[in-house]
């Protein structure tokens, strides 16, 4: 007995995989932009932040897109595992920034 996925299921699976890939890439790019921005700020050479601000915002945009796609995948698909994982990974950088901002309050 073989089971073939219907076209709708394939679309939802692709949506979930796309959200997962965007979440991982967005988290990595955002992390790199954040760390390199801190490095530029603490370097003291006066060269400015360079492209790290743009890289950070690109990573943030990818994470937001991943969260949106994961929510759409959760709403439309009967399978919830991949969209949930993509949602969690997409929200991790946002949560880390909130924690960092709250930790620096005095």
PDB file of N, CA and C in Angstrom:
ATOM      1  N   UNK A   1       0.845  -1.162   0.000  1.00  0.00           N
ATOM      2  CA  UNK A   1       0.000   0.000   0.000  1.00  0.00           C
ATOM      3  C   UNK A   1       0.895   1.230   0.000  1.00  0.00           C
ATOM      4  N   UNK A   2       0.831   1.976  -1.056  1.00  0.00           N
ATOM      5  CA  UNK A   2       1.641   3.187  -1.145  1.00  0.00           C
ATOM      6  C   UNK A   2       0.748   4.400  -0.968  1.00  0.00           C
ATOM      7  N   UNK A   3       1.315   5.393  -0.365  1.00  0.00           N
ATOM      8  CA  UNK A   3       0.558   6.629  -0.187  1.00  0.00           C
ATOM      9  C   UNK A   3       1.330   7.754  -0.858  1.00  0.00           C
ATOM     10  N   UNK A   4       0.628   8.483  -1.656  1.00  0.00           N
ATOM     11  CA  UNK A   4       1.247   9.623  -2.310  1.00  0.00           C
ATOM     12  C   UNK A   4       0.672  10.886  -1.710  1.00  0.00           C
ATOM     13  N   UNK A   5       1.505  11.868  -1.585  1.00  0.00           N
ATOM     14  CA  UNK A   5       1.063  13.131  -1.015  1.00  0.00           C
ATOM     15  C   UNK A   5       0.265  13.902  -2.060  1.00  0.00           C
ATOM     16  N   UNK A   6      -0.801  14.484  -1.624  1.00  0.00           N
ATOM     17  CA  UNK A   6      -1.596  15.313  -2.521  1.00  0.00           C
ATOM     18  C   UNK A   6      -0.852  16.615  -2.785  1.00  0.00           C
ATOM     19  N   UNK A   7      -1.196  17.312  -3.857  1.00  0.00           N
ATOM     20  CA  UNK A   7      -0.507  18.577  -4.134  1.00  0.00           C
ATOM     21  C   UNK A   7      -0.624  19.591  -3.002  1.00  0.00           C
ATOM     22  N   UNK A   8      -1.753  19.607  -2.301  1.00  0.00           N
ATOM     23  CA  UNK A   8      -1.911  20.549  -1.187  1.00  0.00           C
ATOM     24  C   UNK A   8      -0.947  20.226  -0.058  1.00  0.00           C
ATOM     25  N   UNK A   9      -0.761  18.940   0.214  1.00  0.00           N
ATOM     26  CA  UNK A   9       0.178  18.559   1.271  1.00  0.00           C
ATOM     27  C   UNK A   9       1.609  18.904   0.892  1.00  0.00           C
ATOM     28  N   UNK A  10       1.936  18.744  -0.402  1.00  0.00           N
ATOM     29  CA  UNK A  10       3.282  19.100  -0.846  1.00  0.00           C
ATOM     30  C   UNK A  10       3.533  20.597  -0.706  1.00  0.00           C
ATOM     31  N   UNK A  11       2.518  21.384  -0.998  1.00  0.00           N
ATOM     32  CA  UNK A  11       2.662  22.834  -0.860  1.00  0.00           C
ATOM     33  C   UNK A  11       2.873  23.207   0.603  1.00  0.00           C
ATOM     34  N   UNK A  12       2.104  22.594   1.492  1.00  0.00           N
ATOM     35  CA  UNK A  12       2.253  22.888   2.915  1.00  0.00           C
ATOM     36  C   UNK A  12       3.605  22.405   3.428  1.00  0.00           C
ATOM     37  N   UNK A  13       4.086  21.282   2.925  1.00  0.00           N
ATOM     38  CA  UNK A  13       5.393  20.788   3.338  1.00  0.00           C
ATOM     39  C   UNK A  13       6.485  21.728   2.853  1.00  0.00           C
ATOM     40  N   UNK A  14       6.359  22.205   1.604  1.00  0.00           N
ATOM     41  CA  UNK A  14       7.338  23.166   1.082  1.00  0.00           C
ATOM     42  C   UNK A  14       7.304  24.469   1.867  1.00  0.00           C
ATOM     43  N   UNK A  15       6.113  24.896   2.246  1.00  0.00           N
ATOM     44  CA  UNK A  15       5.974  26.114   3.042  1.00  0.00           C
ATOM     45  C   UNK A  15       6.666  25.950   4.393  1.00  0.00           C
ATOM     46  N   UNK A  16       6.482  24.804   5.014  1.00  0.00           N
ATOM     47  CA  UNK A  16       7.111  24.557   6.311  1.00  0.00           C
ATOM     48  C   UNK A  16       8.630  24.468   6.179  1.00  0.00           C
ATOM     49  N   UNK A  17       9.107  23.806   5.132  1.00  0.00           N
ATOM     50  CA  UNK A  17      10.552  23.697   4.935  1.00  0.00           C
ATOM     51  C   UNK A  17      11.142  25.060   4.609  1.00  0.00           C
ATOM     52  N   UNK A  18      10.438  25.862   3.812  1.00  0.00           N
ATOM     53  CA  UNK A  18      10.904  27.212   3.509  1.00  0.00           C
ATOM     54  C   UNK A  18      10.967  28.055   4.777  1.00  0.00           C
ATOM     55  N   UNK A  19       9.959  27.947   5.623  1.00  0.00           N
ATOM     56  CA  UNK A  19       9.966  28.681   6.887  1.00  0.00           C
ATOM     57  C   UNK A  19      11.116  28.234   7.771  1.00  0.00           C
ATOM     58  N   UNK A  20      11.382  26.939   7.801  1.00  0.00           N
ATOM     59  CA  UNK A  20      12.475  26.420   8.618  1.00  0.00           C
ATOM     60  C   UNK A  20      13.823  26.907   8.105  1.00  0.00           C
ATOM     61  N   UNK A  21      14.017  26.879   6.801  1.00  0.00           N
ATOM     62  CA  UNK A  21      15.283  27.353   6.222  1.00  0.00           C
ATOM     63  C   UNK A  21      15.451  28.855   6.471  1.00  0.00           C
ATOM     64  N   UNK A  22      14.391  29.624   6.275  1.00  0.00           N
ATOM     65  CA  UNK A  22      14.465  31.059   6.538  1.00  0.00           C
ATOM     66  C   UNK A  22      14.767  31.347   8.002  1.00  0.00           C
ATOM     67  N   UNK A  23      14.195  30.556   8.903  1.00  0.00           N
ATOM     68  CA  UNK A  23      14.443  30.763  10.329  1.00  0.00           C
ATOM     69  C   UNK A  23      15.901  30.500  10.678  1.00  0.00           C
ATOM     70  N   UNK A  24      16.456  29.426  10.156  1.00  0.00           N
ATOM     71  CA  UNK A  24      17.853  29.087  10.462  1.00  0.00           C
ATOM     72  C   UNK A  24      18.797  30.120   9.847  1.00  0.00           C
ATOM     73  N   UNK A  25      18.569  30.463   8.579  1.00  0.00           N
ATOM     74  CA  UNK A  25      19.432  31.436   7.914  1.00  0.00           C
ATOM     75  C   UNK A  25      19.274  32.816   8.554  1.00  0.00           C
ATOM     76  N   UNK A  26      18.053  33.210   8.866  1.00  0.00           N
ATOM     77  CA  UNK A  26      17.829  34.503   9.508  1.00  0.00           C
ATOM     78  C   UNK A  26      18.478  34.593  10.872  1.00  0.00           C
ATOM     79  N   UNK A  27      18.401  33.522  11.650  1.00  0.00           N
ATOM     80  CA  UNK A  27      19.051  33.522  12.963  1.00  0.00           C
ATOM     81  C   UNK A  27      20.563  33.615  12.826  1.00  0.00           C
ATOM     82  N   UNK A  28      21.132  32.881  11.879  1.00  0.00           N
ATOM     83  CA  UNK A  28      22.578  32.915  11.693  1.00  0.00           C
ATOM     84  C   UNK A  28      23.055  34.271  11.188  1.00  0.00           C
ATOM     85  N   UNK A  29      22.350  34.829  10.211  1.00  0.00           N
ATOM     86  CA  UNK A  29      22.747  36.127   9.655  1.00  0.00           C
ATOM     87  C   UNK A  29      22.559  37.233  10.698  1.00  0.00           C
ATOM     88  N   UNK A  30      21.454  37.200  11.419  1.00  0.00           N
ATOM     89  CA  UNK A  30      21.222  38.198  12.465  1.00  0.00           C
ATOM     90  C   UNK A  30      22.253  38.110  13.574  1.00  0.00           C
ATOM     91  N   UNK A  31      22.598  36.892  13.958  1.00  0.00           N
ATOM     92  CA  UNK A  31      23.618  36.707  14.997  1.00  0.00           C
ATOM     93  C   UNK A  31      24.960  37.254  14.525  1.00  0.00           C
ATOM     94  N   UNK A  32      25.323  36.949  13.280  1.00  0.00           N
ATOM     95  CA  UNK A  32      26.591  37.447  12.752  1.00  0.00           C
ATOM     96  C   UNK A  32      26.597  38.970  12.701  1.00  0.00           C
ATOM     97  N   UNK A  33      25.506  39.578  12.250  1.00  0.00           N
ATOM     98  CA  UNK A  33      25.430  41.031  12.201  1.00  0.00           C
ATOM     99  C   UNK A  33      25.504  41.662  13.579  1.00  0.00           C
ATOM    100  N   UNK A  34      24.865  41.022  14.560  1.00  0.00           N
ATOM    101  CA  UNK A  34      24.884  41.531  15.933  1.00  0.00           C
ATOM    102  C   UNK A  34      26.287  41.454  16.522  1.00  0.00           C
ATOM    103  N   UNK A  35      26.931  40.308  16.365  1.00  0.00           N
ATOM    104  CA  UNK A  35      28.273  40.127  16.933  1.00  0.00           C
ATOM    105  C   UNK A  35      29.295  41.019  16.234  1.00  0.00           C
ATOM    106  N   UNK A  36      29.209  41.127  14.908  1.00  0.00           N
ATOM    107  CA  UNK A  36      30.167  41.979  14.212  1.00  0.00           C
ATOM    108  C   UNK A  36      29.911  43.452  14.520  1.00  0.00           C
ATOM    109  N   UNK A  37      28.665  43.838  14.763  1.00  0.00           N
ATOM    110  CA  UNK A  37      28.373  45.207  15.170  1.00  0.00           C
ATOM    111  C   UNK A  37      28.954  45.529  16.527  1.00  0.00           C
ATOM    112  N   UNK A  38      28.879  44.587  17.447  1.00  0.00           N
ATOM    113  CA  UNK A  38      29.501  44.785  18.756  1.00  0.00           C
ATOM    114  C   UNK A  38      31.017  44.865  18.619  1.00  0.00           C
ATOM    115  N   UNK A  39      31.571  44.028  17.755  1.00  0.00           N
ATOM    116  CA  UNK A  39      33.006  44.055  17.516  1.00  0.00           C
ATOM    117  C   UNK A  39      33.446  45.408  16.957  1.00  0.00           C
ATOM    118  N   UNK A  40      32.681  45.930  15.986  1.00  0.00           N
ATOM    119  CA  UNK A  40      33.004  47.247  15.435  1.00  0.00           C
ATOM    120  C   UNK A  40      32.893  48.325  16.509  1.00  0.00           C
ATOM    121  N   UNK A  41      31.882  48.235  17.368  1.00  0.00           N
ATOM    122  CA  UNK A  41      31.683  49.252  18.395  1.00  0.00           C
ATOM    123  C   UNK A  41      32.780  49.220  19.450  1.00  0.00           C
ATOM    124  N   UNK A  42      33.246  48.045  19.796  1.00  0.00           N
ATOM    125  CA  UNK A  42      34.264  47.925  20.837  1.00  0.00           C
ATOM    126  C   UNK A  42      35.685  47.998  20.303  1.00  0.00           C
ATOM    127  N   UNK A  43      35.826  48.006  18.985  1.00  0.00           N
ATOM    128  CA  UNK A  43      37.148  48.033  18.380  1.00  0.00           C
ATOM    129  C   UNK A  43      37.857  49.343  18.649  1.00  0.00           C
ATOM    130  N   UNK A  44      37.135  50.434  18.603  1.00  0.00           N
ATOM    131  CA  UNK A  44      37.722  51.727  18.893  1.00  0.00           C
ATOM    132  C   UNK A  44      38.471  52.347  17.741  1.00  0.00           C
ATOM    133  N   UNK A  45      38.401  51.781  16.565  1.00  0.00           N
ATOM    134  CA  UNK A  45      39.138  52.338  15.440  1.00  0.00           C
ATOM    135  C   UNK A  45      38.403  53.512  14.808  1.00  0.00           C
ATOM    136  N   UNK A  46      37.160  53.715  15.152  1.00  0.00           N
ATOM    137  CA  UNK A  46      36.392  54.831  14.621  1.00  0.00           C
ATOM    138  C   UNK A  46      35.908  54.616  13.204  1.00  0.00           C
ATOM    139  N   UNK A  47      35.966  53.405  12.736  1.00  0.00           N
ATOM    140  CA  UNK A  47      35.549  53.117  11.374  1.00  0.00           C
ATOM    141  C   UNK A  47      34.046  53.011  11.208  1.00  0.00           C
ATOM    142  N   UNK A  48      33.312  53.077  12.270  1.00  0.00           N
ATOM    143  CA  UNK A  48      31.862  52.952  12.181  1.00  0.00           C
ATOM    144  C   UNK A  48      31.435  51.497  12.162  1.00  0.00           C
ATOM    145  N   UNK A  49      30.145  51.276  12.188  1.00  0.00           N
ATOM    146  CA  UNK A  49      29.649  49.896  12.272  1.00  0.00           C
ATOM    147  C   UNK A  49      29.776  49.115  10.982  1.00  0.00           C
ATOM    148  N   UNK A  50      30.024  49.789   9.880  1.00  0.00           N
ATOM    149  CA  UNK A  50      30.173  49.063   8.624  1.00  0.00           C
ATOM    150  C   UNK A  50      28.871  48.436   8.182  1.00  0.00           C
ATOM    151  N   UNK A  51      28.955  47.340   7.482  1.00  0.00           N
ATOM    152  CA  UNK A  51      27.739  46.714   6.951  1.00  0.00           C
ATOM    153  C   UNK A  51      26.998  45.857   7.974  1.00  0.00           C
ATOM    154  N   UNK A  52      27.482  45.824   9.209  1.00  0.00           N
ATOM    155  CA  UNK A  52      26.865  44.914  10.181  1.00  0.00           C
ATOM    156  C   UNK A  52      25.431  45.297  10.507  1.00  0.00           C
ATOM    157  N   UNK A  53      25.099  46.580  10.440  1.00  0.00           N
ATOM    158  CA  UNK A  53      23.726  46.992  10.716  1.00  0.00           C
ATOM    159  C   UNK A  53      22.795  46.466   9.630  1.00  0.00           C
ATOM    160  N   UNK A  54      23.231  46.577   8.383  1.00  0.00           N
ATOM    161  CA  UNK A  54      22.413  46.081   7.272  1.00  0.00           C
ATOM    162  C   UNK A  54      22.264  44.568   7.363  1.00  0.00           C
ATOM    163  N   UNK A  55      23.350  43.880   7.679  1.00  0.00           N
ATOM    164  CA  UNK A  55      23.307  42.422   7.802  1.00  0.00           C
ATOM    165  C   UNK A  55      22.375  42.010   8.939  1.00  0.00           C
ATOM    166  N   UNK A  56      22.432  42.750  10.046  1.00  0.00           N
ATOM    167  CA  UNK A  56      21.557  42.445  11.169  1.00  0.00           C
ATOM    168  C   UNK A  56      20.092  42.609  10.777  1.00  0.00           C
ATOM    169  N   UNK A  57      19.762  43.689  10.081  1.00  0.00           N
ATOM    170  CA  UNK A  57      18.375  43.912   9.688  1.00  0.00           C
ATOM    171  C   UNK A  57      17.907  42.917   8.629  1.00  0.00           C
ATOM    172  N   UNK A  58      18.810  42.462   7.771  1.00  0.00           N
ATOM    173  CA  UNK A  58      18.446  41.402   6.817  1.00  0.00           C
ATOM    174  C   UNK A  58      18.115  40.119   7.578  1.00  0.00           C
ATOM    175  N   UNK A  59      18.932  39.785   8.569  1.00  0.00           N
ATOM    176  CA  UNK A  59      18.651  38.605   9.392  1.00  0.00           C
ATOM    177  C   UNK A  59      17.344  38.733  10.153  1.00  0.00           C
ATOM    178  N   UNK A  60      17.066  39.938  10.651  1.00  0.00           N
ATOM    179  CA  UNK A  60      15.803  40.164  11.356  1.00  0.00           C
ATOM    180  C   UNK A  60      14.613  40.025  10.407  1.00  0.00           C
ATOM    181  N   UNK A  61      14.754  40.540   9.191  1.00  0.00           N
ATOM    182  CA  UNK A  61      13.671  40.423   8.207  1.00  0.00           C
ATOM    183  C   UNK A  61      13.433  38.965   7.827  1.00  0.00           C
ATOM    184  N   UNK A  62      14.510  38.190   7.685  1.00  0.00           N
ATOM    185  CA  UNK A  62      14.353  36.769   7.382  1.00  0.00           C
ATOM    186  C   UNK A  62      13.671  36.038   8.536  1.00  0.00           C
ATOM    187  N   UNK A  63      14.005  36.401   9.767  1.00  0.00           N
ATOM    188  CA  UNK A  63      13.367  35.769  10.924  1.00  0.00           C
ATOM    189  C   UNK A  63      11.882  36.108  10.995  1.00  0.00           C
ATOM    190  N   UNK A  64      11.547  37.356  10.715  1.00  0.00           N
ATOM    191  CA  UNK A  64      10.129  37.755  10.720  1.00  0.00           C
ATOM    192  C   UNK A  64       9.367  37.031   9.610  1.00  0.00           C
ATOM    193  N   UNK A  65       9.986  36.928   8.430  1.00  0.00           N
ATOM    194  CA  UNK A  65       9.345  36.194   7.333  1.00  0.00           C
ATOM    195  C   UNK A  65       9.152  34.730   7.698  1.00  0.00           C
ATOM    196  N   UNK A  66      10.130  34.145   8.391  1.00  0.00           N
ATOM    197  CA  UNK A  66      10.006  32.752   8.815  1.00  0.00           C
ATOM    198  C   UNK A  66       8.880  32.579   9.821  1.00  0.00           C
ATOM    199  N   UNK A  67       8.733  33.531  10.731  1.00  0.00           N
ATOM    200  CA  UNK A  67       7.653  33.451  11.718  1.00  0.00           C
ATOM    201  C   UNK A  67       6.296  33.543  11.019  1.00  0.00           C
ATOM    202  N   UNK A  68       6.180  34.454  10.057  1.00  0.00           N
ATOM    203  CA  UNK A  68       4.915  34.597   9.331  1.00  0.00           C
ATOM    204  C   UNK A  68       4.597  33.322   8.559  1.00  0.00           C
ATOM    205  N   UNK A  69       5.583  32.782   7.840  1.00  0.00           N
ATOM    206  CA  UNK A  69       5.350  31.544   7.088  1.00  0.00           C
ATOM    207  C   UNK A  69       5.034  30.370   8.016  1.00  0.00           C
ATOM    208  N   UNK A  70       5.679  30.316   9.168  1.00  0.00           N
ATOM    209  CA  UNK A  70       5.400  29.238  10.115  1.00  0.00           C
ATOM    210  C   UNK A  70       3.982  29.343  10.659  1.00  0.00           C
ATOM    211  N   UNK A  71       3.519  30.550  10.921  1.00  0.00           N
ATOM    212  CA  UNK A  71       2.144  30.721  11.403  1.00  0.00           C
ATOM    213  C   UNK A  71       1.151  30.332  10.317  1.00  0.00           C
ATOM    214  N   UNK A  72       1.436  30.726   9.071  1.00  0.00           N
ATOM    215  CA  UNK A  72       0.567  30.317   7.961  1.00  0.00           C
ATOM    216  C   UNK A  72       0.561  28.796   7.832  1.00  0.00           C
ATOM    217  N   UNK A  73       1.743  28.187   7.971  1.00  0.00           N
ATOM    218  CA  UNK A  73       1.824  26.726   7.910  1.00  0.00           C
ATOM    219  C   UNK A  73       1.073  26.047   9.041  1.00  0.00           C
ATOM    220  N   UNK A  74       1.105  26.636  10.216  1.00  0.00           N
ATOM    221  CA  UNK A  74       0.353  26.071  11.341  1.00  0.00           C
ATOM    222  C   UNK A  74      -1.150  26.169  11.118  1.00  0.00           C
ATOM    223  N   UNK A  75      -1.574  27.239  10.505  1.00  0.00           N
ATOM    224  CA  UNK A  75      -3.004  27.434  10.292  1.00  0.00           C
ATOM    225  C   UNK A  75      -3.557  26.560   9.169  1.00  0.00           C
ATOM    226  N   UNK A  76      -2.780  26.333   8.131  1.00  0.00           N
ATOM    227  CA  UNK A  76      -3.303  25.649   6.955  1.00  0.00           C
ATOM    228  C   UNK A  76      -3.020  24.153   6.915  1.00  0.00           C
ATOM    229  N   UNK A  77      -2.013  23.693   7.606  1.00  0.00           N
ATOM    230  CA  UNK A  77      -1.597  22.303   7.477  1.00  0.00           C
ATOM    231  C   UNK A  77      -2.115  21.470   8.645  1.00  0.00           C
ATOM    232  N   UNK A  78      -2.298  20.199   8.377  1.00  0.00           N
ATOM    233  CA  UNK A  78      -2.668  19.291   9.460  1.00  0.00           C
ATOM    234  C   UNK A  78      -1.434  18.792  10.195  1.00  0.00           C
ATOM    235  N   UNK A  79      -0.302  18.865   9.547  1.00  0.00           N
ATOM    236  CA  UNK A  79       0.955  18.486  10.192  1.00  0.00           C
ATOM    237  C   UNK A  79       1.556  19.718  10.846  1.00  0.00           C
ATOM    238  N   UNK A  80       1.859  19.617  12.111  1.00  0.00           N
ATOM    239  CA  UNK A  80       2.256  20.786  12.884  1.00  0.00           C
ATOM    240  C   UNK A  80       3.725  20.786  13.306  1.00  0.00           C
ATOM    241  N   UNK A  81       4.461  19.719  13.051  1.00  0.00           N
ATOM    242  CA  UNK A  81       5.812  19.603  13.586  1.00  0.00           C
ATOM    243  C   UNK A  81       6.779  20.603  12.960  1.00  0.00           C
ATOM    244  N   UNK A  82       6.927  20.587  11.637  1.00  0.00           N
ATOM    245  CA  UNK A  82       7.881  21.487  10.985  1.00  0.00           C
ATOM    246  C   UNK A  82       7.530  22.960  11.172  1.00  0.00           C
ATOM    247  N   UNK A  83       6.272  23.363  11.012  1.00  0.00           N
ATOM    248  CA  UNK A  83       5.973  24.773  11.265  1.00  0.00           C
ATOM    249  C   UNK A  83       6.231  25.204  12.708  1.00  0.00           C
ATOM    250  N   UNK A  84       6.009  24.299  13.663  1.00  0.00           N
ATOM    251  CA  UNK A  84       6.278  24.633  15.063  1.00  0.00           C
ATOM    252  C   UNK A  84       7.769  24.814  15.300  1.00  0.00           C
ATOM    253  N   UNK A  85       8.581  23.931  14.729  1.00  0.00           N
ATOM    254  CA  UNK A  85      10.030  24.057  14.863  1.00  0.00           C
ATOM    255  C   UNK A  85      10.509  25.351  14.208  1.00  0.00           C
ATOM    256  N   UNK A  86       9.977  25.667  13.031  1.00  0.00           N
ATOM    257  CA  UNK A  86      10.351  26.910  12.347  1.00  0.00           C
ATOM    258  C   UNK A  86       9.928  28.127  13.166  1.00  0.00           C
ATOM    259  N   UNK A  87       8.770  28.056  13.787  1.00  0.00           N
ATOM    260  CA  UNK A  87       8.302  29.163  14.619  1.00  0.00           C
ATOM    261  C   UNK A  87       9.220  29.378  15.816  1.00  0.00           C
ATOM    262  N   UNK A  88       9.609  28.306  16.468  1.00  0.00           N
ATOM    263  CA  UNK A  88      10.493  28.418  17.628  1.00  0.00           C
ATOM    264  C   UNK A  88      11.856  28.971  17.217  1.00  0.00           C
ATOM    265  N   UNK A  89      12.414  28.453  16.131  1.00  0.00           N
ATOM    266  CA  UNK A  89      13.721  28.928  15.688  1.00  0.00           C
ATOM    267  C   UNK A  89      13.631  30.377  15.217  1.00  0.00           C
ATOM    268  N   UNK A  90      12.529  30.757  14.591  1.00  0.00           N
ATOM    269  CA  UNK A  90      12.351  32.137  14.163  1.00  0.00           C
ATOM    270  C   UNK A  90      12.177  33.099  15.322  1.00  0.00           C
ATOM    271  N   UNK A  91      11.605  32.629  16.421  1.00  0.00           N
ATOM    272  CA  UNK A  91      11.397  33.490  17.584  1.00  0.00           C
ATOM    273  C   UNK A  91      12.607  33.555  18.513  1.00  0.00           C
ATOM    274  N   UNK A  92      13.544  32.637  18.388  1.00  0.00           N
ATOM    275  CA  UNK A  92      14.723  32.649  19.262  1.00  0.00           C
ATOM    276  C   UNK A  92      15.527  33.942  19.175  1.00  0.00           C
ATOM    277  N   UNK A  93      15.854  34.448  17.982  1.00  0.00           N
ATOM    278  CA  UNK A  93      16.611  35.711  17.946  1.00  0.00           C
ATOM    279  C   UNK A  93      15.841  36.886  18.539  1.00  0.00           C
ATOM    280  N   UNK A  94      14.534  36.902  18.342  1.00  0.00           N
ATOM    281  CA  UNK A  94      13.723  37.978  18.907  1.00  0.00           C
ATOM    282  C   UNK A  94      13.741  37.896  20.428  1.00  0.00           C
ATOM    283  N   UNK A  95      13.597  36.700  20.958  1.00  0.00           N
ATOM    284  CA  UNK A  95      13.670  36.507  22.402  1.00  0.00           C
ATOM    285  C   UNK A  95      15.036  36.839  22.965  1.00  0.00           C
ATOM    286  N   UNK A  96      16.086  36.508  22.229  1.00  0.00           N
ATOM    287  CA  UNK A  96      17.441  36.816  22.698  1.00  0.00           C
ATOM    288  C   UNK A  96      17.668  38.323  22.757  1.00  0.00           C
ATOM    289  N   UNK A  97      17.151  39.047  21.775  1.00  0.00           N
ATOM    290  CA  UNK A  97      17.288  40.507  21.812  1.00  0.00           C
ATOM    291  C   UNK A  97      16.507  41.115  22.966  1.00  0.00           C
ATOM    292  N   UNK A  98      15.337  40.585  23.265  1.00  0.00           N
ATOM    293  CA  UNK A  98      14.560  41.084  24.405  1.00  0.00           C
ATOM    294  C   UNK A  98      15.298  40.820  25.706  1.00  0.00           C
ATOM    295  N   UNK A  99      15.867  39.631  25.841  1.00  0.00           N
ATOM    296  CA  UNK A  99      16.626  39.297  27.052  1.00  0.00           C
ATOM    297  C   UNK A  99      17.850  40.198  27.179  1.00  0.00           C
ATOM    298  N   UNK A 100      18.559  40.440  26.064  1.00  0.00           N
ATOM    299  CA  UNK A 100      19.737  41.308  26.105  1.00  0.00           C
ATOM    300  C   UNK A 100      19.356  42.735  26.469  1.00  0.00           C
ATOM    301  N   UNK A 101      18.232  43.214  25.943  1.00  0.00           N
ATOM    302  CA  UNK A 101      17.795  44.568  26.261  1.00  0.00           C
ATOM    303  C   UNK A 101      17.382  44.683  27.728  1.00  0.00           C
ATOM    304  N   UNK A 102      16.696  43.673  28.242  1.00  0.00           N
ATOM    305  CA  UNK A 102      16.283  43.715  29.645  1.00  0.00           C
ATOM    306  C   UNK A 102      17.463  43.549  30.587  1.00  0.00           C
ATOM    307  N   UNK A 103      18.477  42.822  30.172  1.00  0.00           N
ATOM    308  CA  UNK A 103      19.653  42.610  31.014  1.00  0.00           C
ATOM    309  C   UNK A 103      20.481  43.887  31.123  1.00  0.00           C
ATOM    310  N   UNK A 104      20.398  44.756  30.128  1.00  0.00           N
ATOM    311  CA  UNK A 104      21.189  45.989  30.137  1.00  0.00           C
ATOM    312  C   UNK A 104      20.460  47.167  30.770  1.00  0.00           C
ATOM    313  N   UNK A 105      19.248  46.954  31.221  1.00  0.00           N
ATOM    314  CA  UNK A 105      18.528  48.031  31.932  1.00  0.00           C
ATOM    315  C   UNK A 105      19.127  48.203  33.299  1.00  0.00           C
ATOM    316  N   UNK A 106      19.209  49.415  33.727  1.00  0.00           N
ATOM    317  CA  UNK A 106      19.775  49.660  35.060  1.00  0.00           C
ATOM    318  C   UNK A 106      18.811  50.413  35.906  1.00  0.00           C
TER     319      UNK A 106
END
